[in-house]
Amino acid sequence: MCHVFTRDLSSPGIPPFISFSDRKESWTPDLGRVMSGLNASLGYFLAVVIFATLVRTLLRKWPRLHFMSEFASSFMLVACWLEVQTIVEVGEWAGGLGPDVTATMLFVVLLTHGVISGGASGNPSLAVQKFLLLEDTTLSALLTAAAQFLGAHAGLLAAGFYWRLELTDMHMIKNLMSSECSTSLQVTVLQGFSTECMCAIIFHLLCLSLKRRSAVIRVPLVALLQTLFSHSARRYTSAYMNPSLAYGLTFHCPGFTFTEYAVVYWLSSLTGMTLALLFYMGHIPRIFAKNLLYSQKTRFRVPKGDKAGKKKM
């Protein structure tokens, strides 16, 4: 059943094809309807997480197909983030859900993704980073990136199928909006490139510094940083810092060409990752071994007394 909402047409973010009453009235969301929408979203999240977990469990029997775990990781990330994006775009005015609720949901999604995925990032930039660090071969890096983009596309298809079910008013509206979705790129290409690049530098510097830390520390911090960046940059690029995630979330939306999207979300992420690696290590192992930024002197100096004692001996 199609429900008619009453709200001031001057409010931002309302789809132009949805009609409202001309009267300006205070609009109060139905609590039961809001909870029904959240319960449907929770069921969707659980289904996606269970599917990704089953895929990762089955792949343990075939170690040679380890790169396919990236498919499950990317699928889970894109499918869940699309639902959070739906709640942000539609739920904040159709369900009365504030930014604090949506930001919390995104953090929980990212935290769950980090715990479930384990070593699989679902991020092609991190796959290229491993290649540049000599931790992965060329073929393995290419297969990993391909699996990540394939998982992102599968996540987009899964979310689209779920919206077409129109289980709640929110999803009914989202299904109507799906062909005219709002792009995440709200600024010019140059501004978008700069925003994504700066966020990517900070993100990869954090990942490199936490690389050998326990997952108990690493996963929450990375999830928190991604949530803060996404919330802060939502009027710019949404700071995805992930080429496959951006492909699944905004490349299909009108407003910019594929090339423009690629420059903002792919080239900037790779540029930011490369610069972060250079800043962190002083060189890029895959390209050159010479340290360009930091001296090779030892960090700890031997006391002069010890040197004199060694000479006498």
Protein backbone atom coordinates (compact mmCIF):
# COMPACT_ATOMS: atom_id res chain seq x y z
CA MET A 1 0.00 0.00 0.00
CA CYS A 2 1.27 3.44 -0.89
CA HIS A 3 1.18 5.81 2.07
CA VAL A 4 0.95 9.57 1.64
CA PHE A 5 3.37 11.59 3.78
CA THR A 6 2.76 15.21 4.69
CA ARG A 7 5.82 17.40 4.82
CA ASP A 8 7.09 20.80 3.72
CA LEU A 9 8.29 20.60 0.14
CA SER A 10 11.13 22.97 0.93
CA SER A 11 12.92 20.23 2.89
CA PRO A 12 16.01 18.88 1.13
CA GLY A 13 16.43 15.34 -0.09
CA ILE A 14 12.80 14.63 -1.05
CA PRO A 15 12.36 12.84 -4.39
CA PRO A 16 10.62 15.13 -6.90
CA PHE A 17 8.21 12.44 -8.10
CA ILE A 18 6.59 11.87 -4.68
CA SER A 19 3.57 14.10 -4.15
CA PHE A 20 2.76 15.69 -0.83
CA SER A 21 -0.08 17.72 0.54
CA ASP A 22 0.15 21.44 -0.15
CA ARG A 23 -0.57 22.16 3.50
CA LYS A 24 2.42 22.70 5.77
CA GLU A 25 1.82 20.44 8.72
CA SER A 26 4.05 19.01 11.38
CA TRP A 27 4.92 15.46 10.43
CA THR A 28 5.41 12.85 13.12
CA PRO A 29 6.69 9.41 12.09
CA ASP A 30 4.73 6.31 13.08
CA LEU A 31 6.88 4.50 15.66
CA GLY A 32 5.52 1.11 14.63
CA ARG A 33 6.33 1.78 11.00
CA VAL A 34 9.85 2.94 11.93
CA MET A 35 10.51 -0.20 13.97
CA SER A 36 9.14 -2.36 11.18
CA GLY A 37 11.60 -0.78 8.76
CA LEU A 38 14.51 -1.25 11.16
CA ASN A 39 13.56 -4.88 11.75
CA ALA A 40 13.49 -5.50 8.00
CA SER A 41 16.91 -3.87 7.66
CA LEU A 42 18.26 -5.95 10.53
CA GLY A 43 17.03 -9.13 8.86
CA TYR A 44 18.70 -8.05 5.62
CA PHE A 45 22.00 -7.36 7.42
CA LEU A 46 21.90 -10.77 9.10
CA ALA A 47 21.20 -12.54 5.80
CA VAL A 48 24.15 -10.81 4.11
CA VAL A 49 26.50 -11.56 7.03
CA ILE A 50 25.45 -15.22 7.12
CA PHE A 51 25.99 -15.57 3.37
CA ALA A 52 29.46 -14.01 3.55
CA THR A 53 30.39 -16.21 6.51
CA LEU A 54 29.26 -19.37 4.69
CA VAL A 55 31.29 -18.46 1.60
CA ARG A 56 34.43 -17.87 3.69
CA THR A 57 33.87 -21.15 5.55
CA LEU A 58 33.50 -23.14 2.34
CA LEU A 59 36.60 -21.55 0.79
CA ARG A 60 38.79 -22.81 3.63
CA LYS A 61 38.67 -26.24 1.98
CA TRP A 62 40.32 -24.82 -1.16
CA PRO A 63 43.35 -22.70 -0.14
CA ARG A 64 44.15 -21.94 -3.79
CA LEU A 65 40.89 -19.98 -4.01
CA HIS A 66 41.76 -17.78 -1.04
CA PHE A 67 41.30 -14.67 -3.19
CA MET A 68 37.59 -15.49 -3.40
CA SER A 69 37.28 -14.59 0.28
CA GLU A 70 37.68 -11.03 -1.00
CA PHE A 71 34.52 -11.59 -3.05
CA ALA A 72 32.58 -12.35 0.13
CA SER A 73 34.16 -9.42 1.96
CA SER A 74 33.37 -6.92 -0.80
CA PHE A 75 29.86 -8.32 -1.25
CA MET A 76 29.12 -7.93 2.44
CA LEU A 77 30.52 -4.39 2.59
CA VAL A 78 28.66 -3.07 -0.46
CA ALA A 79 25.36 -4.84 0.25
CA CYS A 80 25.24 -3.60 3.85
CA TRP A 81 26.47 -0.08 3.06
CA LEU A 82 23.76 0.29 0.39
CA GLU A 83 21.13 -0.44 3.03
CA VAL A 84 22.70 2.09 5.39
CA GLN A 85 22.71 4.55 2.50
CA THR A 86 19.00 3.86 2.02
CA ILE A 87 18.34 4.64 5.67
CA VAL A 88 20.36 7.86 5.35
CA GLU A 89 18.60 9.02 2.17
CA VAL A 90 15.04 7.90 2.95
CA GLY A 91 14.84 6.92 6.59
CA GLU A 92 15.87 10.30 7.99
CA TRP A 93 12.70 11.94 6.67
CA ALA A 94 10.36 8.99 5.98
CA GLY A 95 11.20 7.19 9.22
CA GLY A 96 12.33 9.95 11.53
CA LEU A 97 15.81 8.46 11.95
CA GLY A 98 18.45 11.03 12.85
CA PRO A 99 22.10 11.20 11.75
CA ASP A 100 23.20 9.72 15.07
CA VAL A 101 21.25 6.53 14.35
CA THR A 102 22.58 6.15 10.82
CA ALA A 103 26.17 6.88 11.89
CA THR A 104 25.89 4.26 14.64
CA MET A 105 24.50 1.72 12.17
CA LEU A 106 27.38 2.38 9.76
CA PHE A 107 29.92 1.92 12.55
CA VAL A 108 28.31 -1.40 13.57
CA VAL A 109 28.32 -2.55 9.93
CA LEU A 110 32.01 -1.68 9.50
CA LEU A 111 32.90 -3.27 12.83
CA THR A 112 31.05 -6.47 11.91
CA HIS A 113 32.69 -6.48 8.49
CA GLY A 114 36.14 -6.21 10.04
CA VAL A 115 35.46 -9.05 12.48
CA ILE A 116 33.83 -11.41 9.97
CA SER A 117 36.20 -10.75 7.05
CA GLY A 118 39.39 -11.32 9.01
CA GLY A 119 42.32 -10.72 6.66
CA ALA A 120 40.09 -9.95 3.67
CA SER A 121 39.65 -6.20 3.26
CA GLY A 122 37.33 -5.94 0.26
CA ASN A 123 39.42 -2.93 -0.79
CA PRO A 124 41.45 -2.98 -4.06
CA SER A 125 43.71 -0.20 -2.74
CA LEU A 126 44.84 -2.47 0.09
CA ALA A 127 45.37 -5.28 -2.43
CA VAL A 128 47.66 -3.01 -4.48
CA GLN A 129 49.40 -1.96 -1.27
CA LYS A 130 50.25 -5.59 -0.48
CA PHE A 131 51.62 -5.93 -4.01
CA LEU A 132 53.81 -2.84 -3.60
CA LEU A 133 55.06 -4.18 -0.26
CA LEU A 134 56.19 -7.41 -2.00
CA GLU A 135 53.65 -9.35 0.07
CA ASP A 136 51.71 -10.57 -2.95
CA THR A 137 52.39 -11.63 -6.53
CA THR A 138 51.09 -9.88 -9.63
CA LEU A 139 48.62 -12.64 -10.50
CA SER A 140 47.30 -12.90 -6.97
CA ALA A 141 46.83 -9.13 -6.73
CA LEU A 142 44.92 -9.05 -10.03
CA LEU A 143 42.68 -11.95 -9.01
CA THR A 144 42.04 -10.33 -5.64
CA ALA A 145 41.04 -7.00 -7.21
CA ALA A 146 38.81 -8.76 -9.74
CA ALA A 147 37.09 -10.71 -6.96
CA GLN A 148 36.53 -7.49 -5.02
CA PHE A 149 34.85 -5.72 -7.93
CA LEU A 150 32.80 -8.83 -8.70
CA GLY A 151 31.67 -8.95 -5.08
CA ALA A 152 30.75 -5.26 -5.20
CA HIS A 153 28.60 -5.81 -8.29
CA ALA A 154 26.94 -8.83 -6.67
CA GLY A 155 26.22 -6.72 -3.58
CA LEU A 156 24.57 -4.07 -5.77
CA LEU A 157 22.39 -6.71 -7.43
CA ALA A 158 21.43 -8.23 -4.07
CA ALA A 159 20.43 -4.84 -2.66
CA GLY A 160 18.39 -4.06 -5.78
CA PHE A 161 16.53 -7.36 -5.46
CA TYR A 162 15.82 -6.63 -1.79
CA TRP A 163 14.46 -3.15 -2.58
CA ARG A 164 12.14 -4.56 -5.24
CA LEU A 165 10.45 -6.67 -2.58
CA GLU A 166 9.17 -3.39 -1.06
CA LEU A 167 8.85 -4.87 2.41
CA THR A 168 8.49 -1.44 4.03
CA ASP A 169 7.53 2.08 2.97
CA MET A 170 11.19 3.06 3.09
CA HIS A 171 12.16 0.32 0.65
CA MET A 172 9.19 1.06 -1.57
CA ILE A 173 10.40 4.66 -1.90
CA LYS A 174 13.98 3.50 -2.44
CA ASN A 175 12.84 1.18 -5.22
CA LEU A 176 11.12 4.12 -6.92
CA MET A 177 14.28 6.20 -6.50
CA SER A 178 16.69 3.47 -7.65
CA SER A 179 16.81 4.62 -11.28
CA GLU A 180 17.39 8.24 -10.23
CA CYS A 181 19.69 7.76 -7.25
CA SER A 182 21.63 10.66 -5.76
CA THR A 183 25.34 10.62 -6.49
CA SER A 184 27.78 10.69 -3.59
CA LEU A 185 29.95 13.16 -5.49
CA GLN A 186 28.56 16.55 -4.45
CA VAL A 187 31.51 18.71 -5.59
CA THR A 188 33.66 19.17 -8.69
CA VAL A 189 35.97 16.43 -9.92
CA LEU A 190 39.07 18.29 -8.73
CA GLN A 191 37.62 18.92 -5.27
CA GLY A 192 36.44 15.33 -5.09
CA PHE A 193 39.85 14.00 -6.05
CA SER A 194 41.54 16.15 -3.39
CA THR A 195 39.06 15.10 -0.70
CA GLU A 196 39.34 11.38 -1.43
CA CYS A 197 43.13 11.57 -1.75
CA MET A 198 43.60 13.30 1.61
CA CYS A 199 41.24 10.88 3.36
CA ALA A 200 43.01 7.92 1.70
CA ILE A 201 46.41 9.12 2.91
CA ILE A 202 45.22 9.28 6.52
CA PHE A 203 43.37 5.98 6.23
CA HIS A 204 46.34 4.07 4.81
CA LEU A 205 48.76 5.62 7.29
CA LEU A 206 46.52 4.34 10.07
CA CYS A 207 46.31 0.88 8.47
CA LEU A 208 50.09 0.71 8.11
CA SER A 209 50.71 1.81 11.69
CA LEU A 210 48.20 -0.74 13.03
CA LYS A 211 49.27 -3.55 10.72
CA ARG A 212 51.00 -5.60 13.43
CA ARG A 213 48.60 -4.68 16.21
CA SER A 214 45.95 -7.00 17.58
CA ALA A 215 42.65 -7.12 15.72
CA VAL A 216 40.95 -6.09 18.97
CA ILE A 217 42.62 -2.69 18.58
CA ARG A 218 42.91 -2.46 14.79
CA VAL A 219 39.36 -3.30 13.71
CA PRO A 220 37.47 -0.81 15.95
CA LEU A 221 39.88 2.04 15.17
CA VAL A 222 39.66 1.50 11.40
CA ALA A 223 35.85 1.24 11.59
CA LEU A 224 35.67 4.42 13.68
CA LEU A 225 37.88 6.35 11.24
CA GLN A 226 35.82 5.23 8.24
CA THR A 227 32.60 6.21 10.00
CA LEU A 228 33.93 9.66 10.94
CA PHE A 229 35.23 10.31 7.42
CA SER A 230 32.01 9.12 5.78
CA HIS A 231 29.86 11.28 8.05
CA SER A 232 32.10 14.36 7.75
CA ALA A 233 32.52 14.15 3.97
CA ARG A 234 28.96 13.25 3.02
CA ARG A 235 28.48 16.70 1.43
CA TYR A 236 31.64 16.18 -0.63
CA THR A 237 32.41 12.59 -1.69
CA SER A 238 31.37 10.45 1.33
CA ALA A 239 35.05 9.45 1.64
CA TYR A 240 34.77 5.82 0.54
CA MET A 241 38.55 5.33 0.13
CA ASN A 242 37.72 2.05 -1.57
CA PRO A 243 37.44 1.71 -5.38
CA SER A 244 35.13 -1.32 -5.37
CA LEU A 245 32.90 0.18 -2.66
CA ALA A 246 32.54 3.41 -4.65
CA TYR A 247 31.77 1.36 -7.77
CA GLY A 248 28.92 -0.40 -6.00
CA LEU A 249 27.51 2.67 -4.26
CA THR A 250 27.64 5.59 -6.69
CA PHE A 251 29.02 4.72 -10.16
CA HIS A 252 25.53 3.77 -11.39
CA CYS A 253 24.04 7.12 -10.32
CA PRO A 254 23.62 9.89 -12.93
CA GLY A 255 25.44 13.21 -12.72
CA PHE A 256 28.99 12.30 -13.75
CA THR A 257 30.61 10.11 -16.38
CA PHE A 258 32.35 6.83 -15.62
CA THR A 259 35.73 8.48 -16.26
CA GLU A 260 35.00 11.28 -13.80
CA TYR A 261 33.93 8.79 -11.15
CA ALA A 262 37.08 6.75 -11.81
CA VAL A 263 39.31 9.79 -11.35
CA VAL A 264 37.66 10.76 -8.06
CA TYR A 265 37.23 7.34 -6.48
CA TRP A 266 39.85 5.09 -8.12
CA LEU A 267 42.79 7.27 -9.06
CA SER A 268 42.59 9.29 -5.84
CA SER A 269 42.50 6.17 -3.65
CA LEU A 270 45.53 4.67 -5.38
CA THR A 271 47.37 7.99 -5.26
CA GLY A 272 46.62 8.41 -1.56
CA MET A 273 47.69 4.85 -0.82
CA THR A 274 50.99 5.29 -2.70
CA LEU A 275 51.76 8.58 -0.94
CA ALA A 276 50.90 7.08 2.45
CA LEU A 277 53.26 4.16 1.77
CA LEU A 278 56.01 6.58 0.74
CA PHE A 279 55.49 8.75 3.83
CA TYR A 280 55.43 5.73 6.13
CA MET A 281 58.40 3.79 4.76
CA GLY A 282 60.35 6.37 2.81
CA HIS A 283 60.32 4.15 -0.28
CA ILE A 284 58.12 1.74 -2.23
CA PRO A 285 59.69 -1.77 -2.11
CA ARG A 286 58.18 -2.95 -5.41
CA ILE A 287 59.53 0.08 -7.33
CA PHE A 288 62.77 1.08 -5.59
CA ALA A 289 64.66 0.09 -2.46
CA LYS A 290 66.47 3.35 -1.74
CA ASN A 291 64.97 5.31 1.13
CA LEU A 292 64.18 8.78 -0.16
CA LEU A 293 62.81 10.39 3.00
CA TYR A 294 64.52 8.90 6.03
CA SER A 295 68.17 8.26 6.84
CA GLN A 296 69.47 4.73 7.27
CA LYS A 297 71.22 5.49 10.56
CA THR A 298 70.46 3.22 13.47
CA ARG A 299 67.83 4.49 15.86
CA PHE A 300 69.77 3.47 18.98
CA ARG A 301 73.31 4.73 19.56
CA VAL A 302 75.91 2.85 21.56
CA PRO A 303 77.10 4.85 24.62
CA LYS A 304 80.64 6.27 24.35
CA GLY A 305 81.75 4.34 27.43
CA ASP A 306 80.78 1.07 25.79
CA LYS A 307 82.69 2.01 22.63
CA ALA A 308 85.87 2.73 24.64
CA GLY A 309 85.55 -0.55 26.49
CA LYS A 310 85.22 -2.46 23.23
CA LYS A 311 88.36 -0.81 21.82
CA LYS A 312 90.42 -1.80 24.90
CA MET A 313 89.26 -5.38 24.57
